Amino acid sequence: MSGNKKGPPTTSQKHQGFVTDPIGNRSVRDVPGIGPAHGRTLEERGMPRADQLSGDYLKRVWDHGQFQDNLKNTTGANAKQQRDVYNGMREWTDNNM
């Protein structure tokens, strides 16, 4: 089977897994676009869980630029990472709220 490669999931695999499952107490590192380094930064700043990042997304839902700027300023996330996080949060919210 071609999907059985070892290593971390691709962004699209991580996105698909994230948007289809409940957030529960999942780590912020489970969010698409958040890797180990950015996850550690968010954890150190008091945001260790995905539901906390989801709350920040919901506060800024009408201004995705502000949400992405906050990620950039907080973690140093690049434009692609910011979009991946935003799109993951948007799709999760659309599917589950």
Protein backbone atom coordinates (compact mmCIF):
# COMPACT_ATOMS: atom_id res chain seq x y z
CA MET A 1 0.00 0.00 0.00
CA SER A 2 1.51 3.34 -1.04
CA GLY A 3 0.28 5.28 2.03
CA ASN A 4 2.33 3.23 4.49
CA LYS A 5 5.48 5.35 4.54
CA LYS A 6 7.19 5.98 7.84
CA GLY A 7 7.79 9.39 9.35
CA PRO A 8 5.53 12.29 10.28
CA PRO A 9 2.26 12.71 8.39
CA THR A 10 2.12 15.05 5.44
CA THR A 11 0.28 18.33 5.89
CA SER A 12 -2.73 16.97 4.01
CA GLN A 13 -2.81 13.79 6.15
CA LYS A 14 -2.54 15.85 9.33
CA HIS A 15 -5.28 18.19 8.07
CA GLN A 16 -7.64 15.32 7.21
CA GLY A 17 -7.08 13.64 10.57
CA PHE A 18 -7.61 16.88 12.44
CA VAL A 19 -10.79 18.11 10.76
CA THR A 20 -12.62 14.78 11.03
CA ASP A 21 -12.01 14.06 14.73
CA PRO A 22 -13.22 15.79 17.91
CA ILE A 23 -10.74 18.22 19.40
CA GLY A 24 -11.17 16.96 22.96
CA ASN A 25 -7.89 17.34 24.83
CA ARG A 26 -5.74 17.05 21.70
CA SER A 27 -2.36 18.72 21.66
CA VAL A 28 -1.90 21.99 19.81
CA ARG A 29 0.77 20.05 17.88
CA ASP A 30 -2.05 18.04 16.24
CA VAL A 31 -3.23 21.17 14.43
CA PRO A 32 -2.18 21.29 10.76
CA GLY A 33 0.60 23.84 10.30
CA ILE A 34 1.83 23.49 13.89
CA GLY A 35 5.02 21.48 14.10
CA PRO A 36 7.15 20.60 17.12
CA ALA A 37 8.88 23.98 17.41
CA HIS A 38 5.73 26.10 17.05
CA GLY A 39 3.84 23.68 19.29
CA ARG A 40 6.47 24.05 21.98
CA THR A 41 6.26 27.85 21.70
CA LEU A 42 2.47 27.80 22.06
CA GLU A 43 2.72 25.40 25.02
CA GLU A 44 5.25 27.69 26.72
CA ARG A 45 2.84 30.59 26.21
CA GLY A 46 -0.02 28.75 27.91
CA MET A 47 -1.77 27.25 24.88
CA PRO A 48 -0.98 23.50 24.99
CA ARG A 49 -4.33 22.24 23.65
CA ALA A 50 -5.97 22.50 20.24
CA ASP A 51 -9.25 23.67 21.78
CA GLN A 52 -7.45 26.73 23.16
CA LEU A 53 -6.19 27.63 19.70
CA SER A 54 -9.70 27.00 18.41
CA GLY A 55 -10.99 29.56 20.93
CA ASP A 56 -8.50 32.10 19.59
CA TYR A 57 -9.65 31.28 16.06
CA LEU A 58 -13.31 31.78 17.02
CA LYS A 59 -12.53 35.17 18.60
CA ARG A 60 -10.95 36.28 15.32
CA VAL A 61 -13.11 34.34 12.84
CA TRP A 62 -14.19 37.44 10.95
CA ASP A 63 -10.61 38.62 10.49
CA HIS A 64 -8.45 35.72 9.37
CA GLY A 65 -5.55 38.11 8.82
CA GLN A 66 -5.56 38.98 12.51
CA PHE A 67 -5.59 35.27 13.46
CA GLN A 68 -2.68 34.58 11.11
CA ASP A 69 -0.76 37.66 12.30
CA ASN A 70 -1.17 36.46 15.88
CA LEU A 71 0.33 33.09 14.92
CA LYS A 72 3.21 34.82 13.16
CA ASN A 73 3.88 37.11 16.11
CA THR A 74 3.53 34.33 18.68
CA THR A 75 5.37 31.47 16.98
CA GLY A 76 7.13 32.88 13.93
CA ALA A 77 4.95 30.74 11.64
CA ASN A 78 5.48 31.44 7.96
CA ALA A 79 2.65 32.27 5.55
CA LYS A 80 2.05 28.63 4.52
CA GLN A 81 1.95 27.46 8.14
CA GLN A 82 -0.44 30.29 9.02
CA ARG A 83 -2.76 29.29 6.15
CA ASP A 84 -2.58 25.61 7.13
CA VAL A 85 -3.59 26.41 10.71
CA TYR A 86 -6.36 28.77 9.61
CA ASN A 87 -7.74 26.31 7.05
CA GLY A 88 -7.65 23.46 9.56
CA MET A 89 -9.51 25.51 12.16
CA ARG A 90 -12.01 26.77 9.59
CA GLU A 91 -12.80 23.30 8.29
CA TRP A 92 -12.96 21.78 11.78
CA THR A 93 -15.41 24.52 12.83
CA ASP A 94 -17.50 24.06 9.67
CA ASN A 95 -17.69 20.29 10.32
CA ASN A 96 -18.29 20.34 14.07
CA MET A 97 -20.11 23.51 15.10
